[in-house]
């Protein structure tokens, strides 16, 4: 049954909103880091007159950096005393 405190499956709404906020934060972090590195690569290619060398390089570095930041932030949200099952 649906009510304001619990969702359809009985999970507290507050927990769902925390998870939604975390997923949104990670997604926006991925987007902004990759976009920043891409823009930097395009700017360097235009400035140096190269084709797409720095753009490709910076996109790859941006993806790796974004994944590292995302995994690190997700691992920081886990409870410290939890053990993997």
N, C-alpha and C. Protein backbone atom coordinates (compact mmCIF):
# COMPACT_ATOMS: atom_id res chain seq x y z
N UNK A 1 0.84 -1.17 0.00
CA UNK A 1 0.00 0.00 0.00
C UNK A 1 0.89 1.25 0.00
N UNK A 2 0.45 2.26 -0.66
CA UNK A 2 1.21 3.49 -0.79
C UNK A 2 0.85 4.46 0.32
N UNK A 3 1.85 5.04 0.95
CA UNK A 3 1.62 6.18 1.84
C UNK A 3 2.82 7.10 1.75
N UNK A 4 2.79 8.19 2.49
CA UNK A 4 3.82 9.22 2.34
C UNK A 4 5.18 8.78 2.90
N UNK A 5 5.19 7.90 3.88
CA UNK A 5 6.46 7.53 4.50
C UNK A 5 7.11 6.34 3.81
N UNK A 6 6.30 5.44 3.28
CA UNK A 6 6.83 4.24 2.63
C UNK A 6 6.38 4.22 1.18
N UNK A 7 7.22 3.67 0.33
CA UNK A 7 6.86 3.54 -1.07
C UNK A 7 5.98 2.33 -1.28
N UNK A 8 5.83 1.93 -2.50
CA UNK A 8 4.98 0.80 -2.83
C UNK A 8 5.52 -0.50 -2.25
N UNK A 9 6.82 -0.63 -2.14
CA UNK A 9 7.42 -1.88 -1.69
C UNK A 9 7.81 -1.84 -0.22
N UNK A 10 7.44 -0.81 0.49
CA UNK A 10 7.75 -0.73 1.91
C UNK A 10 9.11 -0.15 2.23
N UNK A 11 9.83 0.31 1.25
CA UNK A 11 11.13 0.94 1.49
C UNK A 11 10.89 2.38 1.89
N UNK A 12 11.60 2.84 2.88
CA UNK A 12 11.40 4.22 3.31
C UNK A 12 11.76 5.18 2.18
N UNK A 13 10.95 6.20 2.02
CA UNK A 13 11.16 7.18 0.96
C UNK A 13 12.45 7.95 1.16
N UNK A 14 12.83 8.18 2.41
CA UNK A 14 14.05 8.93 2.68
C UNK A 14 15.27 8.20 2.12
N UNK A 15 15.31 6.87 2.26
CA UNK A 15 16.42 6.10 1.71
C UNK A 15 16.45 6.16 0.19
N UNK A 16 15.28 6.13 -0.42
CA UNK A 16 15.21 6.23 -1.88
C UNK A 16 15.71 7.57 -2.38
N UNK A 17 15.38 8.63 -1.65
CA UNK A 17 15.85 9.95 -2.05
C UNK A 17 17.36 10.09 -1.87
N UNK A 18 17.90 9.44 -0.84
CA UNK A 18 19.36 9.46 -0.66
C UNK A 18 20.06 8.76 -1.82
N UNK A 19 19.50 7.63 -2.24
CA UNK A 19 20.09 6.90 -3.36
C UNK A 19 19.96 7.70 -4.65
N UNK A 20 18.83 8.35 -4.84
CA UNK A 20 18.64 9.18 -6.02
C UNK A 20 19.63 10.33 -6.05
N UNK A 21 19.86 10.94 -4.91
CA UNK A 21 20.83 12.04 -4.83
C UNK A 21 22.24 11.55 -5.13
N UNK A 22 22.59 10.37 -4.64
CA UNK A 22 23.92 9.82 -4.90
C UNK A 22 24.12 9.51 -6.38
N UNK A 23 23.12 8.90 -7.00
CA UNK A 23 23.22 8.58 -8.42
C UNK A 23 23.30 9.86 -9.26
N UNK A 24 22.53 10.87 -8.88
CA UNK A 24 22.58 12.14 -9.59
C UNK A 24 23.94 12.80 -9.44
N UNK A 25 24.49 12.76 -8.25
CA UNK A 25 25.81 13.35 -8.01
C UNK A 25 26.88 12.65 -8.84
N UNK A 26 26.85 11.34 -8.86
CA UNK A 26 27.85 10.58 -9.62
C UNK A 26 27.69 10.85 -11.12
N UNK A 27 26.46 10.88 -11.60
CA UNK A 27 26.23 11.14 -13.02
C UNK A 27 26.69 12.51 -13.45
N UNK A 28 26.39 13.52 -12.65
CA UNK A 28 26.82 14.88 -12.99
C UNK A 28 28.34 15.02 -12.89
N UNK A 29 28.94 14.33 -11.93
CA UNK A 29 30.39 14.35 -11.82
C UNK A 29 31.04 13.75 -13.07
N UNK A 30 30.52 12.61 -13.51
CA UNK A 30 31.04 11.99 -14.73
C UNK A 30 30.90 12.94 -15.92
N UNK A 31 29.74 13.54 -16.05
CA UNK A 31 29.47 14.43 -17.17
C UNK A 31 30.42 15.63 -17.19
N UNK A 32 30.57 16.29 -16.05
CA UNK A 32 31.38 17.50 -16.01
C UNK A 32 32.87 17.23 -16.19
N UNK A 33 33.36 16.14 -15.62
CA UNK A 33 34.79 15.83 -15.77
C UNK A 33 35.11 15.50 -17.22
N UNK A 34 34.30 14.65 -17.84
CA UNK A 34 34.55 14.28 -19.24
C UNK A 34 34.40 15.51 -20.15
N UNK A 35 33.39 16.33 -19.89
CA UNK A 35 33.20 17.54 -20.70
C UNK A 35 34.37 18.50 -20.55
N UNK A 36 34.86 18.68 -19.34
CA UNK A 36 35.99 19.58 -19.10
C UNK A 36 37.24 19.11 -19.84
N UNK A 37 37.54 17.83 -19.75
CA UNK A 37 38.72 17.30 -20.43
C UNK A 37 38.55 17.35 -21.95
N UNK A 38 37.33 17.13 -22.44
CA UNK A 38 37.09 17.21 -23.88
C UNK A 38 37.29 18.63 -24.39
N UNK A 39 36.74 19.59 -23.68
CA UNK A 39 36.90 20.99 -24.09
C UNK A 39 38.37 21.39 -24.07
N UNK A 40 39.09 20.94 -23.06
CA UNK A 40 40.52 21.23 -22.98
C UNK A 40 41.28 20.61 -24.16
N UNK A 41 40.93 19.38 -24.52
CA UNK A 41 41.57 18.73 -25.67
C UNK A 41 41.27 19.43 -26.98
N UNK A 42 40.03 19.84 -27.17
CA UNK A 42 39.66 20.57 -28.39
C UNK A 42 40.42 21.89 -28.46
N UNK A 43 40.49 22.59 -27.34
CA UNK A 43 41.20 23.87 -27.31
C UNK A 43 42.69 23.68 -27.65
N UNK A 44 43.31 22.67 -27.09
CA UNK A 44 44.72 22.41 -27.39
C UNK A 44 44.93 22.04 -28.85
N UNK A 45 44.02 21.24 -29.41
CA UNK A 45 44.14 20.88 -30.83
C UNK A 45 44.02 22.11 -31.73
N UNK A 46 43.11 22.99 -31.42
CA UNK A 46 42.97 24.21 -32.22
C UNK A 46 44.19 25.12 -32.06
N UNK A 47 44.68 25.23 -30.86
CA UNK A 47 45.81 26.13 -30.58
C UNK A 47 47.10 25.64 -31.23
N UNK A 48 47.30 24.31 -31.18
CA UNK A 48 48.53 23.73 -31.74
C UNK A 48 48.38 23.35 -33.21
N UNK A 49 47.18 23.38 -33.75
CA UNK A 49 46.96 23.05 -35.15
C UNK A 49 46.99 21.57 -35.45
N UNK A 50 46.79 20.74 -34.46
CA UNK A 50 46.76 19.30 -34.68
C UNK A 50 45.32 18.87 -34.98
N UNK A 51 45.17 17.66 -35.44
CA UNK A 51 43.84 17.21 -35.82
C UNK A 51 43.01 16.89 -34.58
N UNK A 52 43.05 15.70 -34.09
CA UNK A 52 42.25 15.34 -32.93
C UNK A 52 43.07 14.55 -31.92
N UNK A 53 44.35 14.75 -31.92
CA UNK A 53 45.23 13.98 -31.05
C UNK A 53 44.95 14.29 -29.59
N UNK A 54 44.98 15.56 -29.24
CA UNK A 54 44.77 15.94 -27.84
C UNK A 54 43.33 15.74 -27.40
N UNK A 55 42.39 15.90 -28.33
CA UNK A 55 40.99 15.66 -27.98
C UNK A 55 40.79 14.21 -27.58
N UNK A 56 41.30 13.30 -28.39
CA UNK A 56 41.17 11.88 -28.08
C UNK A 56 41.90 11.52 -26.79
N UNK A 57 43.10 12.04 -26.64
CA UNK A 57 43.88 11.76 -25.44
C UNK A 57 43.17 12.28 -24.18
N UNK A 58 42.67 13.51 -24.25
CA UNK A 58 42.03 14.09 -23.08
C UNK A 58 40.66 13.47 -22.80
N UNK A 59 39.96 12.99 -23.82
CA UNK A 59 38.70 12.26 -23.58
C UNK A 59 38.99 10.98 -22.82
N UNK A 60 40.02 10.26 -23.22
CA UNK A 60 40.38 9.02 -22.52
C UNK A 60 40.82 9.29 -21.08
N UNK A 61 41.64 10.31 -20.90
CA UNK A 61 42.07 10.67 -19.54
C UNK A 61 40.87 11.14 -18.72
N UNK A 62 39.97 11.88 -19.33
CA UNK A 62 38.77 12.35 -18.64
C UNK A 62 37.87 11.20 -18.21
N UNK A 63 37.71 10.22 -19.08
CA UNK A 63 36.89 9.05 -18.73
C UNK A 63 37.51 8.27 -17.58
N UNK A 64 38.81 8.06 -17.64
CA UNK A 64 39.48 7.34 -16.56
C UNK A 64 39.40 8.12 -15.25
N UNK A 65 39.60 9.42 -15.31
CA UNK A 65 39.53 10.24 -14.10
C UNK A 65 38.12 10.26 -13.53
N UNK A 66 37.13 10.36 -14.40
CA UNK A 66 35.74 10.39 -13.94
C UNK A 66 35.35 9.08 -13.28
N UNK A 67 35.78 7.97 -13.86
CA UNK A 67 35.46 6.67 -13.25
C UNK A 67 36.15 6.52 -11.90
N UNK A 68 37.37 6.99 -11.79
CA UNK A 68 38.09 6.92 -10.52
C UNK A 68 37.37 7.74 -9.45
N UNK A 69 36.95 8.95 -9.80
CA UNK A 69 36.24 9.80 -8.85
C UNK A 69 34.89 9.18 -8.48
N UNK A 70 34.19 8.60 -9.45
CA UNK A 70 32.89 8.00 -9.18
C UNK A 70 33.01 6.80 -8.25
N UNK A 71 33.96 5.92 -8.53
CA UNK A 71 34.14 4.74 -7.68
C UNK A 71 34.55 5.16 -6.28
N UNK A 72 35.43 6.13 -6.19
CA UNK A 72 35.88 6.61 -4.89
C UNK A 72 34.73 7.21 -4.08
N UNK A 73 33.88 7.99 -4.73
CA UNK A 73 32.76 8.59 -3.99
C UNK A 73 31.73 7.54 -3.61
N UNK A 74 31.53 6.54 -4.45
CA UNK A 74 30.59 5.47 -4.10
C UNK A 74 31.13 4.62 -2.95
N UNK A 75 32.42 4.35 -2.95
CA UNK A 75 33.00 3.57 -1.86
C UNK A 75 32.99 4.34 -0.55
N UNK A 76 33.08 5.66 -0.61
CA UNK A 76 33.03 6.46 0.61
C UNK A 76 31.64 6.48 1.24
N UNK A 77 30.61 6.15 0.48
CA UNK A 77 29.25 6.14 1.03
C UNK A 77 28.90 4.83 1.71
N UNK A 78 29.69 3.79 1.48
CA UNK A 78 29.42 2.50 2.13
C UNK A 78 29.69 2.60 3.62
N UNK A 79 28.90 1.89 4.41
CA UNK A 79 29.20 1.86 5.84
C UNK A 79 30.57 1.23 6.08
N UNK A 80 31.29 1.75 7.04
CA UNK A 80 32.66 1.29 7.30
C UNK A 80 32.71 -0.11 7.90
N UNK A 81 31.67 -0.52 8.59
CA UNK A 81 31.69 -1.81 9.26
C UNK A 81 31.03 -2.92 8.44
N UNK A 82 30.62 -2.63 7.22
CA UNK A 82 29.96 -3.66 6.42
C UNK A 82 31.00 -4.58 5.80
N UNK A 83 30.64 -5.85 5.72
CA UNK A 83 31.50 -6.84 5.11
C UNK A 83 30.83 -7.36 3.85
N UNK A 84 31.60 -7.64 2.79
CA UNK A 84 30.99 -8.20 1.59
C UNK A 84 30.45 -9.59 1.86
N UNK A 85 29.36 -9.92 1.23
CA UNK A 85 28.74 -11.24 1.45
C UNK A 85 29.12 -12.19 0.36
